[in-house]
PDB file of N, CA and C in Angstrom:
ATOM      1  N   UNK A   1       1.015  -1.052  -0.259  1.00  0.00           N
ATOM      2  CA  UNK A   1      -0.299   0.312  -0.295  1.00  0.00           C
ATOM      3  C   UNK A   1       0.469   0.932  -0.137  1.00  0.00           C
ATOM      4  N   UNK A   2      -0.008   1.946  -1.116  1.00  0.00           N
ATOM      5  CA  UNK A   2       1.418   3.699  -0.924  1.00  0.00           C
ATOM      6  C   UNK A   2       1.496   4.487  -0.010  1.00  0.00           C
ATOM      7  N   UNK A   3       1.440   5.204   1.510  1.00  0.00           N
ATOM      8  CA  UNK A   3       1.910   5.816   2.346  1.00  0.00           C
ATOM      9  C   UNK A   3       0.730   6.651   2.054  1.00  0.00           C
ATOM     10  N   UNK A   4       1.239   7.761   0.275  1.00  0.00           N
ATOM     11  CA  UNK A   4       0.519   9.348   0.152  1.00  0.00           C
ATOM     12  C   UNK A   4      -0.793   8.172   0.640  1.00  0.00           C
ATOM     13  N   UNK A   5      -0.981   7.114   0.148  1.00  0.00           N
ATOM     14  CA  UNK A   5      -2.735   6.799  -0.561  1.00  0.00           C
ATOM     15  C   UNK A   5      -3.681   6.560   0.836  1.00  0.00           C
ATOM     16  N   UNK A   6      -2.702   6.075   2.054  1.00  0.00           N
ATOM     17  CA  UNK A   6      -2.672   5.749   3.158  1.00  0.00           C
ATOM     18  C   UNK A   6      -3.432   7.463   3.800  1.00  0.00           C
ATOM     19  N   UNK A   7      -2.316   8.123   3.840  1.00  0.00           N
ATOM     20  CA  UNK A   7      -2.359   9.121   4.557  1.00  0.00           C
ATOM     21  C   UNK A   7      -3.884   9.467   4.339  1.00  0.00           C
ATOM     22  N   UNK A   8      -3.829   9.759   2.775  1.00  0.00           N
ATOM     23  CA  UNK A   8      -5.134  10.799   2.442  1.00  0.00           C
ATOM     24  C   UNK A   8      -6.068  10.354   2.793  1.00  0.00           C
ATOM     25  N   UNK A   9      -6.563   8.707   2.825  1.00  0.00           N
ATOM     26  CA  UNK A   9      -7.487   8.375   2.811  1.00  0.00           C
ATOM     27  C   UNK A   9      -7.951   8.969   4.188  1.00  0.00           C
ATOM     28  N   UNK A  10      -6.997   8.150   5.296  1.00  0.00           N
ATOM     29  CA  UNK A  10      -6.890   9.208   6.504  1.00  0.00           C
ATOM     30  C   UNK A  10      -7.897  10.225   7.174  1.00  0.00           C
ATOM     31  N   UNK A  11      -7.648  11.080   5.870  1.00  0.00           N
ATOM     32  CA  UNK A  11      -7.757  12.745   6.181  1.00  0.00           C
ATOM     33  C   UNK A  11      -9.386  12.304   5.493  1.00  0.00           C
ATOM     34  N   UNK A  12      -9.791  11.472   4.975  1.00  0.00           N
ATOM     35  CA  UNK A  12     -10.809  11.733   4.604  1.00  0.00           C
ATOM     36  C   UNK A  12     -12.108  11.230   5.292  1.00  0.00           C
ATOM     37  N   UNK A  13     -11.058  10.413   6.087  1.00  0.00           N
ATOM     38  CA  UNK A  13     -12.794   9.193   6.845  1.00  0.00           C
ATOM     39  C   UNK A  13     -12.190  10.062   8.220  1.00  0.00           C
ATOM     40  N   UNK A  14     -11.802  11.086   8.352  1.00  0.00           N
ATOM     41  CA  UNK A  14     -12.608  11.791  10.347  1.00  0.00           C
ATOM     42  C   UNK A  14     -10.993  12.106  10.995  1.00  0.00           C
ATOM     43  N   UNK A  15      -9.396  11.928  11.003  1.00  0.00           N
ATOM     44  CA  UNK A  15      -8.544  11.770  11.172  1.00  0.00           C
ATOM     45  C   UNK A  15      -7.939  13.249  11.082  1.00  0.00           C
ATOM     46  N   UNK A  16      -7.248  12.770  11.660  1.00  0.00           N
ATOM     47  CA  UNK A  16      -6.822  14.828  11.813  1.00  0.00           C
ATOM     48  C   UNK A  16      -5.183  14.119  12.266  1.00  0.00           C
ATOM     49  N   UNK A  17      -4.315  14.914  11.640  1.00  0.00           N
ATOM     50  CA  UNK A  17      -2.756  14.818  11.208  1.00  0.00           C
ATOM     51  C   UNK A  17      -2.248  16.105  11.702  1.00  0.00           C
ATOM     52  N   UNK A  18      -0.663  15.448  12.527  1.00  0.00           N
ATOM     53  CA  UNK A  18      -0.482  16.423  13.695  1.00  0.00           C
ATOM     54  C   UNK A  18       1.276  15.936  13.275  1.00  0.00           C
ATOM     55  N   UNK A  19       2.092  16.926  12.368  1.00  0.00           N
ATOM     56  CA  UNK A  19       4.053  16.517  12.130  1.00  0.00           C
ATOM     57  C   UNK A  19       4.227  16.558  13.858  1.00  0.00           C
ATOM     58  N   UNK A  20       5.152  15.544  14.434  1.00  0.00           N
ATOM     59  CA  UNK A  20       5.955  15.808  14.912  1.00  0.00           C
ATOM     60  C   UNK A  20       7.312  14.635  14.510  1.00  0.00           C
ATOM     61  N   UNK A  21       8.105  14.135  15.468  1.00  0.00           N
ATOM     62  CA  UNK A  21       8.957  12.961  14.774  1.00  0.00           C
ATOM     63  C   UNK A  21       8.197  11.936  13.728  1.00  0.00           C
ATOM     64  N   UNK A  22       6.700  11.879  14.056  1.00  0.00           N
ATOM     65  CA  UNK A  22       6.264  10.989  12.481  1.00  0.00           C
ATOM     66  C   UNK A  22       5.191  11.265  11.938  1.00  0.00           C
ATOM     67  N   UNK A  23       4.261  11.003  11.599  1.00  0.00           N
ATOM     68  CA  UNK A  23       2.813  11.827  11.193  1.00  0.00           C
ATOM     69  C   UNK A  23       2.368  10.903  11.766  1.00  0.00           C
ATOM     70  N   UNK A  24       1.683  12.151  13.136  1.00  0.00           N
ATOM     71  CA  UNK A  24       0.489  11.194  13.660  1.00  0.00           C
ATOM     72  C   UNK A  24      -1.589  11.271  13.884  1.00  0.00           C
ATOM     73  N   UNK A  25      -1.771  10.535  13.116  1.00  0.00           N
ATOM     74  CA  UNK A  25      -3.609  10.622  12.848  1.00  0.00           C
ATOM     75  C   UNK A  25      -3.904  10.427  14.455  1.00  0.00           C
ATOM     76  N   UNK A  26      -4.945  11.399  14.624  1.00  0.00           N
ATOM     77  CA  UNK A  26      -5.909  11.209  15.067  1.00  0.00           C
ATOM     78  C   UNK A  26      -7.678  10.911  15.046  1.00  0.00           C
ATOM     79  N   UNK A  27      -8.136   9.945  15.341  1.00  0.00           N
ATOM     80  CA  UNK A  27      -9.794  10.462  14.777  1.00  0.00           C
ATOM     81  C   UNK A  27     -10.556  10.493  15.596  1.00  0.00           C
ATOM     82  N   UNK A  28     -11.448  11.829  15.582  1.00  0.00           N
ATOM     83  CA  UNK A  28     -12.778  12.794  14.939  1.00  0.00           C
ATOM     84  C   UNK A  28     -13.826  12.397  14.671  1.00  0.00           C
ATOM     85  N   UNK A  29     -14.717  11.569  15.686  1.00  0.00           N
ATOM     86  CA  UNK A  29     -16.469  11.162  15.597  1.00  0.00           C
ATOM     87  C   UNK A  29     -17.076  12.803  14.614  1.00  0.00           C
ATOM     88  N   UNK A  30     -18.748  12.285  14.065  1.00  0.00           N
ATOM     89  CA  UNK A  30     -18.683  13.147  12.769  1.00  0.00           C
ATOM     90  C   UNK A  30     -19.307  14.209  14.031  1.00  0.00           C
ATOM     91  N   UNK A  31     -19.676  14.344  15.257  1.00  0.00           N
ATOM     92  CA  UNK A  31     -19.496  15.509  16.372  1.00  0.00           C
ATOM     93  C   UNK A  31     -18.215  16.570  15.971  1.00  0.00           C
ATOM     94  N   UNK A  32     -17.124  16.480  16.324  1.00  0.00           N
ATOM     95  CA  UNK A  32     -15.711  16.793  16.131  1.00  0.00           C
ATOM     96  C   UNK A  32     -15.308  16.386  17.228  1.00  0.00           C
ATOM     97  N   UNK A  33     -15.328  15.619  18.135  1.00  0.00           N
ATOM     98  CA  UNK A  33     -15.632  14.750  19.045  1.00  0.00           C
ATOM     99  C   UNK A  33     -13.718  13.673  19.213  1.00  0.00           C
ATOM    100  N   UNK A  34     -12.531  14.116  19.816  1.00  0.00           N
ATOM    101  CA  UNK A  34     -11.839  13.548  19.839  1.00  0.00           C
ATOM    102  C   UNK A  34     -11.560  12.549  20.247  1.00  0.00           C
ATOM    103  N   UNK A  35     -11.199  10.935  19.649  1.00  0.00           N
ATOM    104  CA  UNK A  35     -11.690   9.639  19.778  1.00  0.00           C
ATOM    105  C   UNK A  35     -10.085   8.969  20.626  1.00  0.00           C
ATOM    106  N   UNK A  36     -10.586   8.402  20.722  1.00  0.00           N
ATOM    107  CA  UNK A  36      -8.987   7.101  21.576  1.00  0.00           C
ATOM    108  C   UNK A  36      -8.329   6.114  19.745  1.00  0.00           C
ATOM    109  N   UNK A  37      -9.153   6.424  19.037  1.00  0.00           N
ATOM    110  CA  UNK A  37      -8.511   6.083  17.959  1.00  0.00           C
ATOM    111  C   UNK A  37      -7.197   6.860  16.733  1.00  0.00           C
ATOM    112  N   UNK A  38      -6.615   6.647  17.299  1.00  0.00           N
ATOM    113  CA  UNK A  38      -5.452   6.965  16.561  1.00  0.00           C
ATOM    114  C   UNK A  38      -3.846   6.338  16.045  1.00  0.00           C
ATOM    115  N   UNK A  39      -3.885   6.231  14.938  1.00  0.00           N
ATOM    116  CA  UNK A  39      -2.205   5.644  14.174  1.00  0.00           C
ATOM    117  C   UNK A  39      -1.056   7.216  13.861  1.00  0.00           C
ATOM    118  N   UNK A  40      -0.345   6.246  12.814  1.00  0.00           N
ATOM    119  CA  UNK A  40       0.921   7.227  12.707  1.00  0.00           C
ATOM    120  C   UNK A  40       1.316   6.362  11.434  1.00  0.00           C
ATOM    121  N   UNK A  41       2.133   7.736  10.275  1.00  0.00           N
ATOM    122  CA  UNK A  41       3.113   7.372   8.822  1.00  0.00           C
ATOM    123  C   UNK A  41       4.113   7.352   9.908  1.00  0.00           C
ATOM    124  N   UNK A  42       5.407   6.922   9.436  1.00  0.00           N
ATOM    125  CA  UNK A  42       6.909   7.815   8.924  1.00  0.00           C
ATOM    126  C   UNK A  42       7.792   8.672   7.743  1.00  0.00           C
ATOM    127  N   UNK A  43       8.200   9.421   7.839  1.00  0.00           N
ATOM    128  CA  UNK A  43       8.737  10.274   7.131  1.00  0.00           C
ATOM    129  C   UNK A  43       9.400   9.762   6.379  1.00  0.00           C
ATOM    130  N   UNK A  44      10.175   8.744   7.125  1.00  0.00           N
ATOM    131  CA  UNK A  44      11.248   8.403   6.188  1.00  0.00           C
ATOM    132  C   UNK A  44      11.049   7.713   4.075  1.00  0.00           C
ATOM    133  N   UNK A  45      12.356   7.638   4.016  1.00  0.00           N
ATOM    134  CA  UNK A  45      11.879   7.288   2.262  1.00  0.00           C
ATOM    135  C   UNK A  45      11.846   6.079   1.974  1.00  0.00           C
ATOM    136  N   UNK A  46      12.314   5.032   3.171  1.00  0.00           N
ATOM    137  CA  UNK A  46      12.027   3.823   2.232  1.00  0.00           C
ATOM    138  C   UNK A  46      10.673   3.141   3.257  1.00  0.00           C
ATOM    139  N   UNK A  47       9.859   4.259   3.878  1.00  0.00           N
ATOM    140  CA  UNK A  47       8.003   4.520   4.091  1.00  0.00           C
ATOM    141  C   UNK A  47       7.104   4.258   3.242  1.00  0.00           C
ATOM    142  N   UNK A  48       7.744   4.462   2.270  1.00  0.00           N
ATOM    143  CA  UNK A  48       7.267   5.353   1.320  1.00  0.00           C
ATOM    144  C   UNK A  48       5.382   4.024   1.042  1.00  0.00           C
ATOM    145  N   UNK A  49       5.876   3.088   0.763  1.00  0.00           N
ATOM    146  CA  UNK A  49       5.437   1.643  -0.143  1.00  0.00           C
ATOM    147  C   UNK A  49       5.126   0.975   1.497  1.00  0.00           C
ATOM    148  N   UNK A  50       4.260   0.829   2.285  1.00  0.00           N
ATOM    149  CA  UNK A  50       3.724   0.263   3.860  1.00  0.00           C
ATOM    150  C   UNK A  50       3.998  -1.370   3.690  1.00  0.00           C
ATOM    151  N   UNK A  51       4.767  -2.251   4.235  1.00  0.00           N
ATOM    152  CA  UNK A  51       4.254  -3.469   4.098  1.00  0.00           C
ATOM    153  C   UNK A  51       3.114  -3.696   4.596  1.00  0.00           C
ATOM    154  N   UNK A  52       3.288  -5.632   4.784  1.00  0.00           N
ATOM    155  CA  UNK A  52       1.663  -5.760   5.273  1.00  0.00           C
ATOM    156  C   UNK A  52       1.627  -5.894   6.745  1.00  0.00           C
ATOM    157  N   UNK A  53       3.115  -6.042   6.944  1.00  0.00           N
ATOM    158  CA  UNK A  53       3.357  -6.511   9.046  1.00  0.00           C
ATOM    159  C   UNK A  53       2.891  -4.493   9.018  1.00  0.00           C
ATOM    160  N   UNK A  54       3.201  -3.627   8.304  1.00  0.00           N
ATOM    161  CA  UNK A  54       2.573  -2.859   8.921  1.00  0.00           C
ATOM    162  C   UNK A  54       1.983  -1.940   8.938  1.00  0.00           C
ATOM    163  N   UNK A  55       0.834  -2.529   7.548  1.00  0.00           N
ATOM    164  CA  UNK A  55      -0.326  -2.661   6.900  1.00  0.00           C
ATOM    165  C   UNK A  55      -1.922  -2.919   8.405  1.00  0.00           C
ATOM    166  N   UNK A  56      -1.168  -4.052   8.472  1.00  0.00           N
ATOM    167  CA  UNK A  56      -1.821  -5.063  10.135  1.00  0.00           C
ATOM    168  C   UNK A  56      -1.654  -3.947  11.321  1.00  0.00           C
ATOM    169  N   UNK A  57      -0.489  -4.118  11.766  1.00  0.00           N
ATOM    170  CA  UNK A  57      -0.231  -3.112  13.115  1.00  0.00           C
ATOM    171  C   UNK A  57      -1.189  -1.584  12.508  1.00  0.00           C
ATOM    172  N   UNK A  58      -1.178  -1.107  11.567  1.00  0.00           N
ATOM    173  CA  UNK A  58      -1.950   0.008  11.400  1.00  0.00           C
ATOM    174  C   UNK A  58      -3.817  -0.201  11.360  1.00  0.00           C
ATOM    175  N   UNK A  59      -3.889  -1.079  11.003  1.00  0.00           N
ATOM    176  CA  UNK A  59      -5.818  -1.452  10.332  1.00  0.00           C
ATOM    177  C   UNK A  59      -5.806  -1.828  12.407  1.00  0.00           C
ATOM    178  N   UNK A  60      -5.144  -1.949  13.138  1.00  0.00           N
ATOM    179  CA  UNK A  60      -5.854  -2.714  15.094  1.00  0.00           C
ATOM    180  C   UNK A  60      -5.243  -0.917  15.337  1.00  0.00           C
ATOM    181  N   UNK A  61      -3.980  -0.265  15.314  1.00  0.00           N
ATOM    182  CA  UNK A  61      -4.716   0.348  15.575  1.00  0.00           C
ATOM    183  C   UNK A  61      -5.946   1.744  15.684  1.00  0.00           C
ATOM    184  N   UNK A  62      -6.703   1.021  14.021  1.00  0.00           N
ATOM    185  CA  UNK A  62      -8.199   2.027  13.353  1.00  0.00           C
ATOM    186  C   UNK A  62      -8.911   1.264  14.593  1.00  0.00           C
ATOM    187  N   UNK A  63      -8.390   0.414  14.642  1.00  0.00           N
ATOM    188  CA  UNK A  63      -9.553  -0.515  14.992  1.00  0.00           C
ATOM    189  C   UNK A  63     -10.529  -1.487  14.749  1.00  0.00           C
ATOM    190  N   UNK A  64      -9.640  -2.040  13.479  1.00  0.00           N
ATOM    191  CA  UNK A  64      -9.797  -2.680  11.824  1.00  0.00           C
ATOM    192  C   UNK A  64      -9.570  -3.595  12.035  1.00  0.00           C
ATOM    193  N   UNK A  65     -10.404  -4.732  11.206  1.00  0.00           N
ATOM    194  CA  UNK A  65      -9.673  -5.650  11.023  1.00  0.00           C
ATOM    195  C   UNK A  65      -8.651  -5.402   9.179  1.00  0.00           C
ATOM    196  N   UNK A  66      -7.996  -6.125   8.942  1.00  0.00           N
ATOM    197  CA  UNK A  66      -6.827  -5.819   8.109  1.00  0.00           C
ATOM    198  C   UNK A  66      -7.936  -5.070   6.871  1.00  0.00           C
ATOM    199  N   UNK A  67      -8.721  -6.140   6.217  1.00  0.00           N
ATOM    200  CA  UNK A  67      -9.996  -6.501   4.737  1.00  0.00           C
ATOM    201  C   UNK A  67     -10.524  -4.531   5.082  1.00  0.00           C
ATOM    202  N   UNK A  68     -10.764  -4.568   6.541  1.00  0.00           N
ATOM    203  CA  UNK A  68     -11.222  -3.225   6.584  1.00  0.00           C
ATOM    204  C   UNK A  68     -11.253  -2.089   6.156  1.00  0.00           C
ATOM    205  N   UNK A  69     -10.149  -2.300   6.777  1.00  0.00           N
ATOM    206  CA  UNK A  69      -8.484  -0.741   6.391  1.00  0.00           C
ATOM    207  C   UNK A  69      -8.402  -0.764   5.376  1.00  0.00           C
ATOM    208  N   UNK A  70      -8.025  -1.761   4.960  1.00  0.00           N
ATOM    209  CA  UNK A  70      -8.210  -2.199   2.907  1.00  0.00           C
ATOM    210  C   UNK A  70      -9.389  -1.165   2.203  1.00  0.00           C
ATOM    211  N   UNK A  71     -10.581  -1.716   3.196  1.00  0.00           N
ATOM    212  CA  UNK A  71     -11.776  -0.849   2.446  1.00  0.00           C
ATOM    213  C   UNK A  71     -11.403   0.391   2.890  1.00  0.00           C
ATOM    214  N   UNK A  72     -11.866   1.315   3.784  1.00  0.00           N
ATOM    215  CA  UNK A  72     -11.133   2.103   4.345  1.00  0.00           C
ATOM    216  C   UNK A  72     -10.338   3.094   3.821  1.00  0.00           C
ATOM    217  N   UNK A  73      -8.936   2.134   2.940  1.00  0.00           N
ATOM    218  CA  UNK A  73      -8.216   3.025   2.134  1.00  0.00           C
ATOM    219  C   UNK A  73      -8.227   3.391   1.043  1.00  0.00           C
ATOM    220  N   UNK A  74      -9.577   2.266   0.728  1.00  0.00           N
ATOM    221  CA  UNK A  74      -9.787   2.240  -1.204  1.00  0.00           C
ATOM    222  C   UNK A  74     -11.128   2.904  -1.358  1.00  0.00           C
ATOM    223  N   UNK A  75     -11.618   3.479   0.042  1.00  0.00           N
ATOM    224  CA  UNK A  75     -12.828   4.736   0.105  1.00  0.00           C
ATOM    225  C   UNK A  75     -14.015   3.077   0.214  1.00  0.00           C
ATOM    226  N   UNK A  76     -14.242   1.705  -0.113  1.00  0.00           N
ATOM    227  CA  UNK A  76     -15.615   2.152  -0.164  1.00  0.00           C
ATOM    228  C   UNK A  76     -15.791   1.440   1.504  1.00  0.00           C
ATOM    229  N   UNK A  77     -15.037   2.007   2.335  1.00  0.00           N
ATOM    230  CA  UNK A  77     -15.588   2.265   3.200  1.00  0.00           C
ATOM    231  C   UNK A  77     -16.037   3.509   3.968  1.00  0.00           C
ATOM    232  N   UNK A  78     -16.978   3.406   4.432  1.00  0.00           N
ATOM    233  CA  UNK A  78     -17.174   4.980   4.515  1.00  0.00           C
ATOM    234  C   UNK A  78     -17.143   5.519   5.610  1.00  0.00           C
ATOM    235  N   UNK A  79     -16.790   7.043   5.461  1.00  0.00           N
ATOM    236  CA  UNK A  79     -16.759   7.861   7.527  1.00  0.00           C
ATOM    237  C   UNK A  79     -18.415   6.972   8.918  1.00  0.00           C
ATOM    238  N   UNK A  80     -19.289   7.443   7.709  1.00  0.00           N
ATOM    239  CA  UNK A  80     -19.982   6.799   8.217  1.00  0.00           C
ATOM    240  C   UNK A  80     -20.245   4.855   9.077  1.00  0.00           C
ATOM    241  N   UNK A  81     -19.900   3.848   8.560  1.00  0.00           N
ATOM    242  CA  UNK A  81     -19.789   2.797   8.574  1.00  0.00           C
ATOM    243  C   UNK A  81     -18.499   2.847   9.020  1.00  0.00           C
ATOM    244  N   UNK A  82     -17.678   3.165   9.042  1.00  0.00           N
ATOM    245  CA  UNK A  82     -16.403   3.668   9.974  1.00  0.00           C
ATOM    246  C   UNK A  82     -17.225   3.553  11.191  1.00  0.00           C
ATOM    247  N   UNK A  83     -17.421   4.909  11.212  1.00  0.00           N
ATOM    248  CA  UNK A  83     -17.735   5.448  12.876  1.00  0.00           C
ATOM    249  C   UNK A  83     -18.233   3.903  13.606  1.00  0.00           C
ATOM    250  N   UNK A  84     -19.498   3.745  13.330  1.00  0.00           N
ATOM    251  CA  UNK A  84     -20.479   2.376  13.472  1.00  0.00           C
ATOM    252  C   UNK A  84     -19.242   1.420  13.660  1.00  0.00           C
ATOM    253  N   UNK A  85     -18.472   1.604  12.959  1.00  0.00           N
ATOM    254  CA  UNK A  85     -17.830  -0.423  13.183  1.00  0.00           C
ATOM    255  C   UNK A  85     -17.105   0.269  14.884  1.00  0.00           C
ATOM    256  N   UNK A  86     -16.753   1.729  15.517  1.00  0.00           N
ATOM    257  CA  UNK A  86     -15.622   2.623  16.169  1.00  0.00           C
ATOM    258  C   UNK A  86     -16.788   1.874  17.418  1.00  0.00           C
ATOM    259  N   UNK A  87     -17.896   2.429  17.287  1.00  0.00           N
ATOM    260  CA  UNK A  87     -19.621   2.452  18.461  1.00  0.00           C
ATOM    261  C   UNK A  87     -19.583   1.028  18.383  1.00  0.00           C
ATOM    262  N   UNK A  88     -20.523   0.043  17.499  1.00  0.00           N
ATOM    263  CA  UNK A  88     -20.353  -1.609  17.635  1.00  0.00           C
ATOM    264  C   UNK A  88     -19.594  -2.544  18.264  1.00  0.00           C
ATOM    265  N   UNK A  89     -18.663  -1.625  18.162  1.00  0.00           N
ATOM    266  CA  UNK A  89     -16.768  -2.420  18.786  1.00  0.00           C
ATOM    267  C   UNK A  89     -17.357  -1.862  20.062  1.00  0.00           C
ATOM    268  N   UNK A  90     -17.353  -0.949  20.964  1.00  0.00           N
ATOM    269  CA  UNK A  90     -17.519  -0.313  22.297  1.00  0.00           C
ATOM    270  C   UNK A  90     -15.866   1.251  21.930  1.00  0.00           C
ATOM    271  N   UNK A  91     -15.545   1.482  21.236  1.00  0.00           N
ATOM    272  CA  UNK A  91     -13.860   2.170  20.979  1.00  0.00           C
ATOM    273  C   UNK A  91     -13.783   3.854  21.318  1.00  0.00           C
ATOM    274  N   UNK A  92     -16.024   3.948  20.663  1.00  0.00           N
ATOM    275  CA  UNK A  92     -15.833   5.388  20.557  1.00  0.00           C
ATOM    276  C   UNK A  92     -17.528   5.856  21.280  1.00  0.00           C
TER     277      UNK A  92
END
């Protein structure tokens, strides 16, 4: 998975970006409330392509299965459905 694709998908799905030593993404619900759901990406050029283990880790951080995370990035999982998954799982 391309890092740029993942980062832009996260921003479209309600995450907000904060750059420090990495790019941190914090999820905000539809009412703008900050949640506990977050993930990060690295700046380094060797991280332009995210391998399977890193994608799986990001999926866990986003409280999704790897398949659901793939749908999130491909935009087949909407912001509303993602928020429903988080609500149903008791994460928000």
